[in-house]
C-alpha cells in the first residue's frame, strides 16, 4: 500500500482561505469626502443622487425640438435609495452577463449582497462552471495535466504504491501551473468574469487513489474561493473606473452611508484523473 494516506491536500495557494482582513472585504469605511476627492466618485448613478438622497427623472411635459425635458428631483429615504441603486446594479451587470448557462448568477450574487448578511455564497452553477473550466482548459501546463503527469511518474508499478516523494513533487509542480480562473473571452459575456474572474485561494485535495495493474484512478477535489468585493486598487484602475457598475458597487460597499457587506464566494469541483503506465500528457 502507498505510504501516502488519503484524502491528502496536495496544494494550497499562498493567499489563504477566509481572509477577511483583505481590503476588498472592508465595508462602510470611507467618508463622503474620501469617496469624492480620493476616488473621484461624483457620478455614481444615472437615477439617484445618493449624497442628497434624491431621485431624478425626466418630466412628462411635451418635448420640443429646441428644449430638453426638465428633470424632476424627488426626495427619497435611504432604504429607497439603496433599493434603486441595487436595481441599477443588476441592470448594469447584464452587459457582462447575457449569454450561456451561468448568466443568472451575477443577479443572485448582487441580491445576496443586498441582503447584507456577509455570509459566504454557494451556487451549484458556479460549481459546475469550475468543473467545466478544469476539464476544458486547453493550456498544456494546467493543474489537471500537471497532477496527472506527476502521478504517473511517481507510481511504483511493481508494488502498486505511490512513492513518498510524490507530495513534494506535485506541490512544487502545481506552483508553476495555471490554476482555474475565469479569464477567457467567453467569460466576459457569460457572467463568470464579473462574478469570479480571478480567484483568491485554491486548495487541491486527492481524495482517493486506486492502482491496478498498469492503470490508476484518482479522485481530486478543487476548493476555490473568491471575494465578491472591491478594493481601493480596483476602483483606481482605469478599466474598472470607466464603468458605472463598478463605481456604483464600490459606493454601496465602502460608503459610510450604506456599507453593504462583501462576502466570500465558495466553489467546489471533483474530477477524476485516470491513466496508464505508458501514457504521456
Protein backbone atom coordinates (compact mmCIF):
# COMPACT_ATOMS: atom_id res chain seq x y z
CA UNK A 1 0.00 0.00 0.00
CA UNK A 2 1.05 3.58 -0.55
CA UNK A 3 2.67 5.42 2.34
CA UNK A 4 0.58 8.45 1.40
CA UNK A 5 -2.70 8.47 3.30
CA UNK A 6 -5.77 9.88 1.52
CA UNK A 7 -7.52 12.24 1.48
CA UNK A 8 -4.44 14.43 1.20
CA UNK A 9 -4.19 18.15 0.43
CA UNK A 10 -1.50 18.47 -2.22
CA UNK A 11 -1.61 22.20 -2.86
CA UNK A 12 -2.57 25.47 -1.19
CA UNK A 13 -2.13 28.95 -2.64
CA UNK A 14 -0.15 31.49 -0.66
CA UNK A 15 -3.29 33.53 -0.19
CA UNK A 16 -5.32 31.74 2.44
CA UNK A 17 -8.98 30.89 2.65
CA UNK A 18 -11.39 33.13 4.58
CA UNK A 19 -9.10 36.15 4.57
CA UNK A 20 -11.50 38.77 5.92
CA UNK A 21 -8.63 41.17 6.57
CA UNK A 22 -8.06 41.95 2.89
CA UNK A 23 -9.01 45.39 1.58
CA UNK A 24 -11.73 44.09 -0.73
CA UNK A 25 -13.61 42.73 2.31
CA UNK A 26 -13.86 46.13 4.01
CA UNK A 27 -17.18 47.95 4.05
CA UNK A 28 -18.61 51.23 5.31
CA UNK A 29 -15.12 52.59 5.92
CA UNK A 30 -14.95 55.66 3.64
CA UNK A 31 -16.44 59.11 4.16
CA UNK A 32 -18.19 61.20 1.53
CA UNK A 33 -15.13 63.43 1.32
CA UNK A 34 -12.83 60.45 0.70
CA UNK A 35 -15.10 58.97 -1.94
CA UNK A 36 -15.47 62.27 -3.76
CA UNK A 37 -11.90 63.54 -3.50
CA UNK A 38 -9.71 60.44 -3.29
CA UNK A 39 -11.70 58.21 -5.63
CA UNK A 40 -13.49 60.79 -7.83
CA UNK A 41 -16.88 59.24 -7.11
CA UNK A 42 -19.25 62.04 -8.02
CA UNK A 43 -21.08 60.37 -10.92
CA UNK A 44 -22.37 57.20 -9.30
CA UNK A 45 -25.88 56.58 -10.54
CA UNK A 46 -27.97 57.56 -13.55
CA UNK A 47 -31.14 57.50 -11.46
CA UNK A 48 -30.40 58.82 -7.97
CA UNK A 49 -28.10 61.20 -6.15
CA UNK A 50 -27.12 59.15 -3.10
CA UNK A 51 -25.37 62.12 -1.49
CA UNK A 52 -28.57 64.19 -1.36
CA UNK A 53 -30.98 61.24 -1.27
CA UNK A 54 -32.89 62.34 -4.34
CA UNK A 55 -34.11 60.51 -7.41
CA UNK A 56 -34.44 62.16 -10.79
CA UNK A 57 -36.43 61.52 -13.91
CA UNK A 58 -37.47 63.44 -17.00
CA UNK A 59 -40.70 65.38 -16.69
CA UNK A 60 -43.65 64.15 -18.79
CA UNK A 61 -44.05 67.52 -20.49
CA UNK A 62 -44.29 67.69 -24.28
CA UNK A 63 -40.83 67.54 -25.80
CA UNK A 64 -39.60 70.32 -28.05
CA UNK A 65 -37.12 70.41 -30.90
CA UNK A 66 -35.30 73.19 -29.09
CA UNK A 67 -35.56 72.31 -25.40
CA UNK A 68 -34.70 69.18 -23.45
CA UNK A 69 -37.30 67.99 -20.98
CA UNK A 70 -36.73 69.23 -17.44
CA UNK A 71 -35.62 66.88 -14.70
CA UNK A 72 -37.83 66.22 -11.70
CA UNK A 73 -36.00 65.57 -8.43
CA UNK A 74 -37.72 63.80 -5.56
CA UNK A 75 -36.53 63.26 -2.01
CA UNK A 76 -36.26 59.59 -1.10
CA UNK A 77 -35.44 57.59 2.02
CA UNK A 78 -32.07 55.86 2.44
CA UNK A 79 -33.81 52.49 2.08
CA UNK A 80 -35.44 53.57 -1.18
CA UNK A 81 -32.14 54.95 -2.44
CA UNK A 82 -30.34 51.67 -1.72
CA UNK A 83 -33.12 49.70 -3.43
CA UNK A 84 -32.85 51.84 -6.58
CA UNK A 85 -29.06 51.54 -6.58
CA UNK A 86 -29.21 47.74 -6.36
CA UNK A 87 -31.79 47.63 -9.18
CA UNK A 88 -29.42 49.69 -11.29
CA UNK A 89 -26.52 47.43 -10.23
CA UNK A 90 -28.38 44.38 -11.56
CA UNK A 91 -29.31 46.20 -14.76
CA UNK A 92 -25.75 47.31 -15.46
CA UNK A 93 -24.42 43.81 -14.78
CA UNK A 94 -26.32 42.50 -17.81
CA UNK A 95 -23.71 43.97 -20.15
CA UNK A 96 -21.25 41.44 -18.70
CA UNK A 97 -23.69 38.57 -18.37
CA UNK A 98 -26.06 37.95 -21.25
CA UNK A 99 -25.12 34.57 -22.72
CA UNK A 100 -24.86 30.97 -21.58
CA UNK A 101 -25.97 28.86 -18.60
CA UNK A 102 -24.26 30.99 -15.93
CA UNK A 103 -25.66 34.41 -16.83
CA UNK A 104 -28.16 34.38 -13.94
CA UNK A 105 -25.53 34.00 -11.22
CA UNK A 106 -24.46 37.66 -11.04
CA UNK A 107 -28.04 38.69 -10.28
CA UNK A 108 -28.16 36.16 -7.43
CA UNK A 109 -24.87 37.46 -6.05
CA UNK A 110 -25.99 41.09 -6.16
CA UNK A 111 -29.19 40.14 -4.34
CA UNK A 112 -27.09 38.23 -1.79
CA UNK A 113 -25.07 41.41 -1.20
CA UNK A 114 -28.27 43.43 -0.87
CA UNK A 115 -29.41 41.14 1.97
CA UNK A 116 -26.27 42.36 3.77
CA UNK A 117 -25.58 39.20 5.78
CA UNK A 118 -21.94 38.82 4.73
CA UNK A 119 -22.26 35.03 4.82
CA UNK A 120 -20.43 33.02 2.12
CA UNK A 121 -22.19 32.40 -1.18
CA UNK A 122 -22.54 28.99 -2.83
CA UNK A 123 -24.06 28.13 -6.20
CA UNK A 124 -24.37 24.80 -7.97
CA UNK A 125 -23.96 26.75 -11.21
CA UNK A 126 -20.56 28.09 -10.12
CA UNK A 127 -19.52 24.58 -9.03
CA UNK A 128 -20.46 23.33 -12.50
CA UNK A 129 -18.61 26.22 -14.13
CA UNK A 130 -15.48 25.42 -12.11
CA UNK A 131 -15.57 21.78 -13.15
CA UNK A 132 -16.11 22.73 -16.79
CA UNK A 133 -13.16 25.11 -16.67
CA UNK A 134 -10.85 22.45 -15.17
CA UNK A 135 -11.81 19.79 -17.67
CA UNK A 136 -11.81 22.01 -20.77
CA UNK A 137 -8.66 24.03 -20.06
CA UNK A 138 -6.59 23.63 -23.24
CA UNK A 139 -3.42 25.12 -21.79
CA UNK A 140 -0.82 22.38 -21.54
CA UNK A 141 0.51 23.49 -18.17
CA UNK A 142 -2.84 23.49 -16.42
CA UNK A 143 -3.05 21.95 -12.95
CA UNK A 144 -5.09 18.94 -14.08
CA UNK A 145 -2.46 17.79 -16.59
CA UNK A 146 0.32 18.51 -14.12
CA UNK A 147 -1.22 16.35 -11.40
CA UNK A 148 -1.78 13.58 -13.94
CA UNK A 149 1.83 13.69 -15.13
CA UNK A 150 3.37 13.76 -11.64
CA UNK A 151 1.10 10.92 -10.51
CA UNK A 152 2.18 8.67 -13.35
CA UNK A 153 5.87 9.36 -12.76
CA UNK A 154 5.62 8.61 -9.03
CA UNK A 155 3.80 5.31 -9.10
CA UNK A 156 5.89 2.26 -8.26
CA UNK A 157 4.23 -0.05 -10.73
CA UNK A 158 5.83 -3.20 -9.31
CA UNK A 159 4.48 -2.68 -5.81
CA UNK A 160 1.39 -0.77 -6.88
CA UNK A 161 2.18 2.03 -4.44
CA UNK A 162 2.75 5.76 -4.65
CA UNK A 163 6.25 6.99 -3.92
CA UNK A 164 6.53 9.18 -0.82
CA UNK A 165 8.29 11.94 -2.78
CA UNK A 166 5.08 12.49 -4.75
CA UNK A 167 3.69 15.04 -2.29
CA UNK A 168 6.74 17.28 -2.55
CA UNK A 169 6.97 16.96 -6.32
CA UNK A 170 3.30 17.60 -7.06
CA UNK A 171 3.10 20.62 -4.74
CA UNK A 172 6.19 22.13 -6.32
CA UNK A 173 4.93 21.43 -9.85
CA UNK A 174 1.49 22.97 -9.28
CA UNK A 175 3.13 26.25 -8.22
CA UNK A 176 4.05 26.80 -11.86
CA UNK A 177 0.74 25.80 -13.40
CA UNK A 178 -2.27 27.81 -14.49
CA UNK A 179 -4.92 27.38 -11.79
CA UNK A 180 -8.63 27.56 -12.67
CA UNK A 181 -9.66 31.15 -13.44
CA UNK A 182 -12.46 32.66 -15.46
CA UNK A 183 -10.44 34.92 -17.71
CA UNK A 184 -11.40 33.56 -21.13
CA UNK A 185 -13.09 35.75 -23.70
CA UNK A 186 -16.39 33.92 -23.31
CA UNK A 187 -16.32 34.60 -19.56
CA UNK A 188 -16.68 38.33 -20.30
CA UNK A 189 -20.21 37.74 -21.63
CA UNK A 190 -21.37 34.66 -19.72
CA UNK A 191 -21.21 36.30 -16.29
CA UNK A 192 -18.22 34.38 -14.92
CA UNK A 193 -15.74 37.20 -15.41
CA UNK A 194 -17.74 39.65 -13.32
CA UNK A 195 -18.81 37.12 -10.67
CA UNK A 196 -15.42 35.46 -10.13
CA UNK A 197 -12.79 36.35 -12.78
CA UNK A 198 -9.55 35.71 -10.92
CA UNK A 199 -9.60 33.69 -7.70
CA UNK A 200 -8.18 34.41 -4.27
CA UNK A 201 -7.43 30.99 -2.81
CA UNK A 202 -7.29 27.42 -4.09
CA UNK A 203 -6.88 24.12 -2.25
CA UNK A 204 -6.46 20.88 -4.19
CA UNK A 205 -7.01 17.52 -2.49
CA UNK A 206 -6.55 13.96 -3.71
CA UNK A 207 -9.46 12.12 -2.12
CA UNK A 208 -8.53 8.62 -3.22
CA UNK A 209 -6.13 6.73 -5.46
CA UNK A 210 -6.54 3.22 -6.86
CA UNK A 211 -3.69 1.46 -8.70
CA UNK A 212 -4.47 -1.77 -10.55
CA UNK A 213 -2.01 -3.49 -12.84
CA UNK A 214 -0.83 -0.76 -15.21
CA UNK A 215 -3.71 1.67 -14.62
CA UNK A 216 -4.58 4.22 -11.95
CA UNK A 217 -7.65 6.23 -10.99
CA UNK A 218 -7.54 9.28 -8.72
CA UNK A 219 -10.37 11.42 -7.38
CA UNK A 220 -9.35 15.05 -6.99
CA UNK A 221 -11.30 17.91 -5.39
CA UNK A 222 -10.69 21.60 -6.06
CA UNK A 223 -11.89 24.05 -3.41
CA UNK A 224 -11.71 27.58 -4.80
CA UNK A 225 -12.62 30.83 -3.09
CA UNK A 226 -13.05 34.36 -4.36
CA UNK A 227 -14.09 37.66 -2.76
CA UNK A 228 -17.20 39.43 -4.02
CA UNK A 229 -15.94 42.86 -3.09
CA UNK A 230 -13.85 45.72 -4.45
CA UNK A 231 -10.63 47.10 -3.03
CA UNK A 232 -9.13 50.56 -3.49
CA UNK A 233 -6.85 49.35 -6.25
CA UNK A 234 -9.86 48.09 -8.24
CA UNK A 235 -11.67 51.43 -8.32
CA UNK A 236 -8.48 53.32 -9.09
CA UNK A 237 -7.94 51.08 -12.12
CA UNK A 238 -8.78 52.89 -15.35
CA UNK A 239 -10.51 49.76 -16.66
CA UNK A 240 -12.83 49.42 -13.64
CA UNK A 241 -13.43 53.12 -13.03
CA UNK A 242 -14.75 53.81 -16.53
CA UNK A 243 -17.77 51.56 -15.91
CA UNK A 244 -20.58 52.98 -13.80
CA UNK A 245 -21.26 49.48 -12.50
CA UNK A 246 -18.01 49.38 -10.53
CA UNK A 247 -18.33 52.95 -9.25
CA UNK A 248 -21.81 52.12 -8.00
CA UNK A 249 -20.63 48.80 -6.49
CA UNK A 250 -17.71 50.47 -4.70
CA UNK A 251 -20.02 53.16 -3.32
CA UNK A 252 -22.57 50.67 -2.00
CA UNK A 253 -19.83 48.65 -0.31
CA UNK A 254 -17.42 51.26 1.02
CA UNK A 255 -19.53 54.34 1.81
CA UNK A 256 -20.28 55.04 5.46
CA UNK A 257 -23.83 55.88 4.42
CA UNK A 258 -24.61 52.34 3.24
CA UNK A 259 -21.70 49.94 3.82
CA UNK A 260 -23.15 46.78 2.29
CA UNK A 261 -21.05 43.79 3.22
CA UNK A 262 -18.95 41.89 0.66
CA UNK A 263 -18.71 38.12 1.00
CA UNK A 264 -16.74 35.00 0.13
CA UNK A 265 -17.71 33.01 -2.94
CA UNK A 266 -17.02 29.31 -2.39
CA UNK A 267 -16.76 26.84 -5.27
CA UNK A 268 -16.02 23.14 -5.32
CA UNK A 269 -15.48 20.62 -8.11
CA UNK A 270 -14.48 16.95 -8.00
CA UNK A 271 -12.83 15.39 -11.04
CA UNK A 272 -11.36 12.02 -11.92
CA UNK A 273 -7.85 11.57 -13.24
CA UNK A 274 -7.13 8.26 -14.92
CA UNK A 275 -4.14 6.98 -16.82
CA UNK A 276 -1.74 4.20 -17.54
CA UNK A 277 1.88 3.30 -17.08
CA UNK A 278 2.94 4.18 -20.62
CA UNK A 279 0.58 7.11 -21.14
CA UNK A 280 2.05 10.57 -21.66
CA UNK A 281 0.46 14.02 -21.47
